Amino acid sequence: MSEDKFDRGSALSIFGSDRREDLMALIFSLAIALFIYMAY
Protein backbone atom coordinates (compact mmCIF):
# COMPACT_ATOMS: atom_id res chain seq x y z
CA MET A 1 0.00 0.00 0.00
CA SER A 2 1.31 3.42 -0.93
CA GLU A 3 -1.12 5.30 1.32
CA ASP A 4 0.75 7.40 3.87
CA LYS A 5 -2.22 9.20 5.40
CA PHE A 6 -2.65 8.15 8.99
CA ASP A 7 -6.29 7.54 9.82
CA ARG A 8 -7.19 8.79 13.28
CA GLY A 9 -10.85 7.90 12.98
CA SER A 10 -11.84 11.11 11.22
CA ALA A 11 -15.32 9.73 10.53
CA LEU A 12 -16.24 10.57 14.12
CA SER A 13 -14.79 14.07 13.87
CA ILE A 14 -17.11 17.06 13.91
CA PHE A 15 -14.59 19.10 11.94
CA GLY A 16 -13.52 18.54 8.36
CA SER A 17 -9.78 18.69 8.99
CA ASP A 18 -7.63 17.30 11.78
CA ARG A 19 -5.63 20.54 11.96
CA ARG A 20 -8.72 22.59 12.82
CA GLU A 21 -9.79 19.96 15.35
CA ASP A 22 -6.36 20.06 17.02
CA LEU A 23 -6.44 23.85 17.10
CA MET A 24 -9.91 23.92 18.65
CA ALA A 25 -8.87 21.33 21.26
CA LEU A 26 -5.81 23.42 22.12
CA ILE A 27 -7.84 26.62 22.51
CA PHE A 28 -10.49 24.79 24.54
CA SER A 29 -7.91 23.32 26.91
CA LEU A 30 -6.20 26.68 27.31
CA ALA A 31 -9.55 28.29 28.12
CA ILE A 32 -10.23 25.66 30.79
CA ALA A 33 -6.74 26.10 32.26
CA LEU A 34 -7.17 29.89 32.33
CA PHE A 35 -10.58 29.56 34.00
CA ILE A 36 -9.18 27.25 36.68
CA TYR A 37 -6.22 29.59 37.19
CA MET A 38 -8.51 32.60 37.63
CA ALA A 39 -10.99 30.73 39.84
CA TYR A 40 -8.40 29.71 42.39
PDB file of N, CA and C in Angstrom:
ATOM      1  N   MET A   1       0.834  -1.202   0.000  1.00  0.00           N
ATOM      2  CA  MET A   1       0.000   0.000   0.000  1.00  0.00           C
ATOM      3  C   MET A   1       0.872   1.256   0.000  1.00  0.00           C
ATOM      4  N   SER A   2       0.533   2.186  -0.849  1.00  0.00           N
ATOM      5  CA  SER A   2       1.307   3.416  -0.925  1.00  0.00           C
ATOM      6  C   SER A   2       0.576   4.570  -0.244  1.00  0.00           C
ATOM      7  N   GLU A   3      -0.373   4.252   0.615  1.00  0.00           N
ATOM      8  CA  GLU A   3      -1.124   5.296   1.315  1.00  0.00           C
ATOM      9  C   GLU A   3      -0.368   5.705   2.572  1.00  0.00           C
ATOM     10  N   ASP A   4       0.038   6.975   2.667  1.00  0.00           N
ATOM     11  CA  ASP A   4       0.750   7.404   3.867  1.00  0.00           C
ATOM     12  C   ASP A   4      -0.089   8.260   4.799  1.00  0.00           C
ATOM     13  N   LYS A   5      -1.372   8.397   4.512  1.00  0.00           N
ATOM     14  CA  LYS A   5      -2.220   9.201   5.403  1.00  0.00           C
ATOM     15  C   LYS A   5      -2.624   8.354   6.609  1.00  0.00           C
ATOM     16  N   PHE A   6      -2.334   8.880   7.771  1.00  0.00           N
ATOM     17  CA  PHE A   6      -2.646   8.148   8.987  1.00  0.00           C
ATOM     18  C   PHE A   6      -4.084   8.424   9.391  1.00  0.00           C
ATOM     19  N   ASP A   7      -4.879   7.369   9.485  1.00  0.00           N
ATOM     20  CA  ASP A   7      -6.289   7.537   9.817  1.00  0.00           C
ATOM     21  C   ASP A   7      -6.474   7.552  11.330  1.00  0.00           C
ATOM     22  N   ARG A   8      -6.945   8.667  11.853  1.00  0.00           N
ATOM     23  CA  ARG A   8      -7.188   8.787  13.282  1.00  0.00           C
ATOM     24  C   ARG A   8      -8.655   8.612  13.624  1.00  0.00           C
ATOM     25  N   GLY A   9      -9.429   8.032  12.731  1.00  0.00           N
ATOM     26  CA  GLY A   9     -10.853   7.902  12.982  1.00  0.00           C
ATOM     27  C   GLY A   9     -11.569   9.210  12.706  1.00  0.00           C
ATOM     28  N   SER A  10     -11.294   9.805  11.550  1.00  0.00           N
ATOM     29  CA  SER A  10     -11.844  11.110  11.217  1.00  0.00           C
ATOM     30  C   SER A  10     -13.335  11.048  10.909  1.00  0.00           C
ATOM     31  N   ALA A  11     -13.892   9.849  10.795  1.00  0.00           N
ATOM     32  CA  ALA A  11     -15.318   9.727  10.527  1.00  0.00           C
ATOM     33  C   ALA A  11     -16.141  10.201  11.721  1.00  0.00           C
ATOM     34  N   LEU A  12     -15.535  10.142  12.913  1.00  0.00           N
ATOM     35  CA  LEU A  12     -16.244  10.569  14.115  1.00  0.00           C
ATOM     36  C   LEU A  12     -15.981  12.033  14.435  1.00  0.00           C
ATOM     37  N   SER A  13     -15.161  12.682  13.617  1.00  0.00           N
ATOM     38  CA  SER A  13     -14.789  14.068  13.873  1.00  0.00           C
ATOM     39  C   SER A  13     -15.916  15.008  13.473  1.00  0.00           C
ATOM     40  N   ILE A  14     -16.094  16.082  14.252  1.00  0.00           N
ATOM     41  CA  ILE A  14     -17.113  17.063  13.913  1.00  0.00           C
ATOM     42  C   ILE A  14     -16.534  18.157  13.016  1.00  0.00           C
ATOM     43  N   PHE A  15     -15.234  18.147  12.830  1.00  0.00           N
ATOM     44  CA  PHE A  15     -14.586  19.102  11.938  1.00  0.00           C
ATOM     45  C   PHE A  15     -14.111  18.384  10.685  1.00  0.00           C
ATOM     46  N   GLY A  16     -13.936  19.146   9.614  1.00  0.00           N
ATOM     47  CA  GLY A  16     -13.515  18.540   8.358  1.00  0.00           C
ATOM     48  C   GLY A  16     -12.050  18.162   8.352  1.00  0.00           C
ATOM     49  N   SER A  17     -11.217  18.962   9.020  1.00  0.00           N
ATOM     50  CA  SER A  17      -9.784  18.693   8.995  1.00  0.00           C
ATOM     51  C   SER A  17      -9.254  18.425  10.394  1.00  0.00           C
ATOM     52  N   ASP A  18      -8.220  17.623  10.491  1.00  0.00           N
ATOM     53  CA  ASP A  18      -7.625  17.305  11.780  1.00  0.00           C
ATOM     54  C   ASP A  18      -6.893  18.511  12.368  1.00  0.00           C
ATOM     55  N   ARG A  19      -6.361  19.372  11.480  1.00  0.00           N
ATOM     56  CA  ARG A  19      -5.627  20.539  11.963  1.00  0.00           C
ATOM     57  C   ARG A  19      -6.562  21.497  12.703  1.00  0.00           C
ATOM     58  N   ARG A  20      -7.761  21.710  12.160  1.00  0.00           N
ATOM     59  CA  ARG A  20      -8.723  22.588  12.816  1.00  0.00           C
ATOM     60  C   ARG A  20      -9.203  21.959  14.120  1.00  0.00           C
ATOM     61  N   GLU A  21      -9.362  20.644  14.129  1.00  0.00           N
ATOM     62  CA  GLU A  21      -9.789  19.956  15.350  1.00  0.00           C
ATOM     63  C   GLU A  21      -8.729  20.066  16.441  1.00  0.00           C
ATOM     64  N   ASP A  22      -7.455  19.916  16.057  1.00  0.00           N
ATOM     65  CA  ASP A  22      -6.359  20.056  17.022  1.00  0.00           C
ATOM     66  C   ASP A  22      -6.285  21.483  17.562  1.00  0.00           C
ATOM     67  N   LEU A  23      -6.500  22.452  16.682  1.00  0.00           N
ATOM     68  CA  LEU A  23      -6.442  23.849  17.101  1.00  0.00           C
ATOM     69  C   LEU A  23      -7.582  24.172  18.063  1.00  0.00           C
ATOM     70  N   MET A  24      -8.774  23.675  17.773  1.00  0.00           N
ATOM     71  CA  MET A  24      -9.913  23.920  18.654  1.00  0.00           C
ATOM     72  C   MET A  24      -9.721  23.238  20.006  1.00  0.00           C
ATOM     73  N   ALA A  25      -9.135  22.036  20.000  1.00  0.00           N
ATOM     74  CA  ALA A  25      -8.875  21.333  21.257  1.00  0.00           C
ATOM     75  C   ALA A  25      -7.832  22.081  22.083  1.00  0.00           C
ATOM     76  N   LEU A  26      -6.837  22.658  21.422  1.00  0.00           N
ATOM     77  CA  LEU A  26      -5.810  23.422  22.121  1.00  0.00           C
ATOM     78  C   LEU A  26      -6.404  24.683  22.752  1.00  0.00           C
ATOM     79  N   ILE A  27      -7.207  25.399  21.992  1.00  0.00           N
ATOM     80  CA  ILE A  27      -7.839  26.615  22.506  1.00  0.00           C
ATOM     81  C   ILE A  27      -8.802  26.286  23.648  1.00  0.00           C
ATOM     82  N   PHE A  28      -9.539  25.190  23.502  1.00  0.00           N
ATOM     83  CA  PHE A  28     -10.487  24.790  24.540  1.00  0.00           C
ATOM     84  C   PHE A  28      -9.768  24.422  25.837  1.00  0.00           C
ATOM     85  N   SER A  29      -8.668  23.701  25.711  1.00  0.00           N
ATOM     86  CA  SER A  29      -7.910  23.317  26.908  1.00  0.00           C
ATOM     87  C   SER A  29      -7.241  24.528  27.552  1.00  0.00           C
ATOM     88  N   LEU A  30      -6.782  25.467  26.758  1.00  0.00           N
ATOM     89  CA  LEU A  30      -6.202  26.684  27.313  1.00  0.00           C
ATOM     90  C   LEU A  30      -7.255  27.519  28.024  1.00  0.00           C
ATOM     91  N   ALA A  31      -8.468  27.544  27.491  1.00  0.00           N
ATOM     92  CA  ALA A  31      -9.553  28.290  28.124  1.00  0.00           C
ATOM     93  C   ALA A  31      -9.915  27.672  29.471  1.00  0.00           C
ATOM     94  N   ILE A  32      -9.943  26.348  29.534  1.00  0.00           N
ATOM     95  CA  ILE A  32     -10.230  25.662  30.793  1.00  0.00           C
ATOM     96  C   ILE A  32      -9.119  25.923  31.808  1.00  0.00           C
ATOM     97  N   ALA A  33      -7.869  25.859  31.370  1.00  0.00           N
ATOM     98  CA  ALA A  33      -6.741  26.100  32.265  1.00  0.00           C
ATOM     99  C   ALA A  33      -6.759  27.545  32.784  1.00  0.00           C
ATOM    100  N   LEU A  34      -7.099  28.493  31.920  1.00  0.00           N
ATOM    101  CA  LEU A  34      -7.166  29.890  32.333  1.00  0.00           C
ATOM    102  C   LEU A  34      -8.319  30.102  33.323  1.00  0.00           C
ATOM    103  N   PHE A  35      -9.441  29.444  33.093  1.00  0.00           N
ATOM    104  CA  PHE A  35     -10.579  29.559  33.999  1.00  0.00           C
ATOM    105  C   PHE A  35     -10.242  29.000  35.381  1.00  0.00           C
ATOM    106  N   ILE A  36      -9.570  27.849  35.407  1.00  0.00           N
ATOM    107  CA  ILE A  36      -9.178  27.246  36.681  1.00  0.00           C
ATOM    108  C   ILE A  36      -8.141  28.118  37.385  1.00  0.00           C
ATOM    109  N   TYR A  37      -7.229  28.719  36.617  1.00  0.00           N
ATOM    110  CA  TYR A  37      -6.218  29.594  37.188  1.00  0.00           C
ATOM    111  C   TYR A  37      -6.840  30.850  37.797  1.00  0.00           C
ATOM    112  N   MET A  38      -7.851  31.391  37.127  1.00  0.00           N
ATOM    113  CA  MET A  38      -8.508  32.597  37.631  1.00  0.00           C
ATOM    114  C   MET A  38      -9.442  32.285  38.796  1.00  0.00           C
ATOM    115  N   ALA A  39     -10.013  31.090  38.809  1.00  0.00           N
ATOM    116  CA  ALA A  39     -10.993  30.730  39.838  1.00  0.00           C
ATOM    117  C   ALA A  39     -10.318  30.482  41.175  1.00  0.00           C
ATOM    118  N   TYR A  40      -9.085  29.999  41.139  1.00  0.00           N
ATOM    119  CA  TYR A  40      -8.403  29.705  42.391  1.00  0.00           C
ATOM    120  C   TYR A  40      -7.279  30.708  42.633  1.00  0.00           C
TER     121      TYR A  40
END
